N, C-alpha and C. Protein backbone atom coordinates (compact mmCIF):
# COMPACT_ATOMS: atom_id res chain seq x y z
N MET A 1 3.61 -27.32 5.64
CA MET A 1 4.86 -26.59 5.72
C MET A 1 4.92 -25.49 4.67
N ALA A 2 4.51 -25.80 3.45
CA ALA A 2 4.59 -24.81 2.38
C ALA A 2 3.68 -23.63 2.63
N TRP A 3 2.50 -23.88 3.19
CA TRP A 3 1.59 -22.76 3.48
C TRP A 3 2.15 -21.87 4.58
N GLY A 4 2.87 -22.43 5.51
CA GLY A 4 3.53 -21.62 6.54
C GLY A 4 4.58 -20.70 5.95
N VAL A 5 5.28 -21.17 4.94
CA VAL A 5 6.27 -20.33 4.25
C VAL A 5 5.56 -19.19 3.52
N VAL A 6 4.40 -19.47 2.92
CA VAL A 6 3.64 -18.42 2.24
C VAL A 6 3.21 -17.35 3.24
N VAL A 7 2.74 -17.77 4.41
CA VAL A 7 2.35 -16.82 5.46
C VAL A 7 3.56 -15.99 5.89
N ALA A 8 4.70 -16.62 6.08
CA ALA A 8 5.90 -15.90 6.51
C ALA A 8 6.35 -14.88 5.46
N ILE A 9 6.29 -15.24 4.19
CA ILE A 9 6.67 -14.30 3.13
C ILE A 9 5.71 -13.12 3.11
N GLY A 10 4.43 -13.37 3.23
CA GLY A 10 3.45 -12.28 3.28
C GLY A 10 3.68 -11.36 4.47
N ALA A 11 4.01 -11.94 5.61
CA ALA A 11 4.27 -11.13 6.80
C ALA A 11 5.50 -10.25 6.61
N VAL A 12 6.53 -10.78 5.97
CA VAL A 12 7.73 -9.99 5.71
C VAL A 12 7.42 -8.83 4.77
N VAL A 13 6.59 -9.08 3.76
CA VAL A 13 6.21 -8.01 2.83
C VAL A 13 5.43 -6.92 3.56
N VAL A 14 4.49 -7.30 4.41
CA VAL A 14 3.71 -6.31 5.17
C VAL A 14 4.62 -5.50 6.09
N ILE A 15 5.51 -6.15 6.79
CA ILE A 15 6.41 -5.45 7.70
C ILE A 15 7.33 -4.50 6.94
N ALA A 16 7.86 -4.96 5.81
CA ALA A 16 8.73 -4.10 5.01
C ALA A 16 7.97 -2.90 4.47
N ALA A 17 6.76 -3.13 3.97
CA ALA A 17 5.98 -2.02 3.41
C ALA A 17 5.53 -1.05 4.48
N THR A 18 5.27 -1.55 5.67
CA THR A 18 4.78 -0.69 6.74
C THR A 18 5.89 0.11 7.41
N PHE A 19 6.99 -0.52 7.71
CA PHE A 19 8.02 0.15 8.50
C PHE A 19 9.27 0.52 7.71
N ALA A 20 9.85 -0.42 7.01
CA ALA A 20 11.11 -0.16 6.31
C ALA A 20 10.93 0.83 5.17
N LEU A 21 9.80 0.78 4.48
CA LEU A 21 9.55 1.66 3.35
C LEU A 21 8.64 2.83 3.74
N ARG A 22 8.62 3.18 5.00
CA ARG A 22 7.68 4.17 5.52
C ARG A 22 7.78 5.52 4.81
N SER A 23 8.96 6.02 4.57
CA SER A 23 9.08 7.38 4.05
C SER A 23 9.55 7.44 2.60
N SER A 24 10.14 6.39 2.07
CA SER A 24 10.71 6.49 0.73
C SER A 24 9.72 6.35 -0.43
N PRO A 25 8.86 5.34 -0.51
CA PRO A 25 8.01 5.24 -1.71
C PRO A 25 6.77 6.12 -1.60
N PRO A 26 6.14 6.41 -2.72
CA PRO A 26 4.88 7.16 -2.67
C PRO A 26 3.81 6.34 -1.95
N ARG A 27 2.83 7.03 -1.43
CA ARG A 27 1.79 6.38 -0.64
C ARG A 27 1.08 5.24 -1.41
N PRO A 28 0.72 5.41 -2.70
CA PRO A 28 0.05 4.30 -3.40
C PRO A 28 0.92 3.04 -3.52
N VAL A 29 2.21 3.22 -3.69
CA VAL A 29 3.12 2.07 -3.79
C VAL A 29 3.15 1.33 -2.46
N ARG A 30 3.22 2.09 -1.38
CA ARG A 30 3.21 1.49 -0.04
C ARG A 30 1.90 0.76 0.23
N ALA A 31 0.79 1.36 -0.20
CA ALA A 31 -0.53 0.75 0.02
C ALA A 31 -0.64 -0.57 -0.74
N VAL A 32 -0.12 -0.61 -1.95
CA VAL A 32 -0.15 -1.85 -2.73
C VAL A 32 0.70 -2.92 -2.03
N GLY A 33 1.85 -2.53 -1.50
CA GLY A 33 2.71 -3.48 -0.79
C GLY A 33 2.03 -4.05 0.45
N ILE A 34 1.36 -3.18 1.20
CA ILE A 34 0.66 -3.64 2.40
C ILE A 34 -0.49 -4.56 2.04
N ALA A 35 -1.30 -4.16 1.07
CA ALA A 35 -2.45 -4.98 0.68
C ALA A 35 -2.01 -6.31 0.08
N ALA A 36 -0.98 -6.29 -0.75
CA ALA A 36 -0.50 -7.53 -1.36
C ALA A 36 0.07 -8.48 -0.31
N GLY A 37 0.85 -7.94 0.62
CA GLY A 37 1.41 -8.78 1.68
C GLY A 37 0.33 -9.40 2.55
N ALA A 38 -0.69 -8.60 2.88
CA ALA A 38 -1.79 -9.12 3.70
C ALA A 38 -2.59 -10.16 2.92
N ALA A 39 -2.76 -9.96 1.63
CA ALA A 39 -3.47 -10.95 0.81
C ALA A 39 -2.69 -12.26 0.77
N VAL A 40 -1.38 -12.18 0.68
CA VAL A 40 -0.55 -13.40 0.68
C VAL A 40 -0.67 -14.12 2.03
N VAL A 41 -0.71 -13.36 3.11
CA VAL A 41 -0.92 -13.97 4.43
C VAL A 41 -2.28 -14.67 4.45
N GLY A 42 -3.30 -14.03 3.88
CA GLY A 42 -4.62 -14.64 3.83
C GLY A 42 -4.64 -15.92 3.02
N ILE A 43 -3.95 -15.92 1.88
CA ILE A 43 -3.88 -17.13 1.06
C ILE A 43 -3.18 -18.25 1.82
N GLY A 44 -2.10 -17.92 2.50
CA GLY A 44 -1.40 -18.93 3.30
C GLY A 44 -2.25 -19.45 4.44
N ALA A 45 -3.00 -18.55 5.07
CA ALA A 45 -3.85 -18.97 6.20
C ALA A 45 -4.99 -19.86 5.73
N ILE A 46 -5.61 -19.52 4.61
CA ILE A 46 -6.71 -20.35 4.12
C ILE A 46 -6.17 -21.67 3.58
N GLY A 47 -4.94 -21.67 3.12
CA GLY A 47 -4.33 -22.92 2.66
C GLY A 47 -4.11 -23.92 3.78
N LEU A 48 -4.01 -23.43 5.00
CA LEU A 48 -3.83 -24.31 6.15
C LEU A 48 -5.15 -24.95 6.60
N GLN A 49 -6.28 -24.43 6.12
CA GLN A 49 -7.59 -24.95 6.52
C GLN A 49 -7.94 -26.20 5.71
N ASP A 50 -8.63 -27.11 6.36
CA ASP A 50 -9.12 -28.30 5.66
C ASP A 50 -10.46 -27.98 5.00
N GLN A 51 -10.61 -28.36 3.76
CA GLN A 51 -11.85 -28.23 3.01
C GLN A 51 -12.37 -26.80 2.94
N ALA A 52 -11.52 -25.86 2.60
CA ALA A 52 -11.94 -24.48 2.44
C ALA A 52 -12.73 -24.34 1.14
N SER A 53 -13.80 -23.56 1.19
CA SER A 53 -14.64 -23.39 0.00
C SER A 53 -14.03 -22.33 -0.92
N ALA A 54 -14.56 -22.26 -2.13
CA ALA A 54 -14.07 -21.28 -3.10
C ALA A 54 -14.35 -19.86 -2.62
N VAL A 55 -15.46 -19.67 -1.93
CA VAL A 55 -15.79 -18.34 -1.40
C VAL A 55 -14.74 -17.90 -0.37
N GLU A 56 -14.31 -18.82 0.46
CA GLU A 56 -13.27 -18.51 1.45
C GLU A 56 -11.95 -18.17 0.78
N TRP A 57 -11.62 -18.88 -0.31
CA TRP A 57 -10.38 -18.60 -1.04
C TRP A 57 -10.40 -17.20 -1.65
N VAL A 58 -11.57 -16.72 -2.01
CA VAL A 58 -11.69 -15.39 -2.61
C VAL A 58 -11.78 -14.31 -1.54
N LEU A 59 -12.62 -14.51 -0.54
CA LEU A 59 -12.88 -13.47 0.44
C LEU A 59 -11.74 -13.24 1.44
N THR A 60 -11.06 -14.29 1.84
CA THR A 60 -10.01 -14.13 2.85
C THR A 60 -8.91 -13.18 2.42
N PRO A 61 -8.30 -13.33 1.24
CA PRO A 61 -7.27 -12.36 0.84
C PRO A 61 -7.82 -10.94 0.66
N LEU A 62 -9.03 -10.83 0.12
CA LEU A 62 -9.61 -9.50 -0.08
C LEU A 62 -9.88 -8.79 1.25
N VAL A 63 -10.45 -9.51 2.18
CA VAL A 63 -10.76 -8.91 3.48
C VAL A 63 -9.48 -8.56 4.24
N LEU A 64 -8.51 -9.46 4.24
CA LEU A 64 -7.26 -9.16 4.95
C LEU A 64 -6.51 -7.99 4.31
N GLY A 65 -6.52 -7.90 2.99
CA GLY A 65 -5.89 -6.77 2.31
C GLY A 65 -6.55 -5.45 2.69
N ALA A 66 -7.88 -5.43 2.70
CA ALA A 66 -8.61 -4.21 3.07
C ALA A 66 -8.40 -3.85 4.54
N LEU A 67 -8.43 -4.84 5.41
CA LEU A 67 -8.23 -4.57 6.83
C LEU A 67 -6.81 -4.09 7.13
N ALA A 68 -5.83 -4.61 6.40
CA ALA A 68 -4.45 -4.15 6.60
C ALA A 68 -4.31 -2.68 6.21
N LEU A 69 -4.96 -2.28 5.13
CA LEU A 69 -4.92 -0.87 4.74
C LEU A 69 -5.61 0.01 5.76
N LEU A 70 -6.76 -0.44 6.26
CA LEU A 70 -7.46 0.32 7.29
C LEU A 70 -6.62 0.42 8.55
N HIS A 71 -6.01 -0.67 8.94
CA HIS A 71 -5.16 -0.67 10.13
C HIS A 71 -3.99 0.29 9.97
N ASP A 72 -3.35 0.26 8.82
CA ASP A 72 -2.24 1.18 8.56
C ASP A 72 -2.70 2.62 8.63
N ARG A 73 -3.85 2.88 8.03
CA ARG A 73 -4.38 4.25 8.01
C ARG A 73 -4.69 4.74 9.43
N LEU A 74 -5.30 3.89 10.24
CA LEU A 74 -5.64 4.29 11.60
C LEU A 74 -4.41 4.41 12.49
N LEU A 75 -3.44 3.54 12.30
CA LEU A 75 -2.26 3.53 13.16
C LEU A 75 -1.33 4.71 12.88
N PHE A 76 -1.20 5.10 11.62
CA PHE A 76 -0.22 6.12 11.27
C PHE A 76 -0.84 7.46 10.88
N ALA A 77 -2.13 7.65 11.05
CA ALA A 77 -2.79 8.91 10.69
C ALA A 77 -2.75 9.90 11.85
N GLY A 78 -2.63 11.16 11.52
CA GLY A 78 -2.73 12.22 12.53
C GLY A 78 -1.79 12.01 13.71
N ASP A 79 -2.38 11.91 14.88
CA ASP A 79 -1.61 11.69 16.11
C ASP A 79 -1.68 10.23 16.54
N GLY A 80 -1.80 9.32 15.60
CA GLY A 80 -1.90 7.89 15.91
C GLY A 80 -0.68 7.38 16.66
N PRO A 81 -0.82 6.24 17.30
CA PRO A 81 0.27 5.70 18.12
C PRO A 81 1.51 5.34 17.34
N GLY A 82 1.40 5.08 16.05
CA GLY A 82 2.56 4.71 15.26
C GLY A 82 3.17 5.87 14.50
N ARG A 83 2.69 7.06 14.76
CA ARG A 83 3.19 8.24 14.04
C ARG A 83 4.67 8.46 14.35
N ILE A 84 5.46 8.63 13.29
CA ILE A 84 6.91 8.79 13.48
C ILE A 84 7.26 10.25 13.36
């Protein structure tokens, strides 16, 4: 149950950083919010796994944070589908 709450909090942070804070904060602040929220989702997801190794605990948040930034960049760049 507690790991599900961690995932939910991370998802709320990612959604807020991606959409609600789209135009107000500087780009680096938004990027940190997106990466941090995705990393929290990764920590919550790995916490739900049985017998996760130390490598998984380290790599999952890092990879999800990087992929969230890449996804944001691709979705909202140029004429991307999420361009407002």
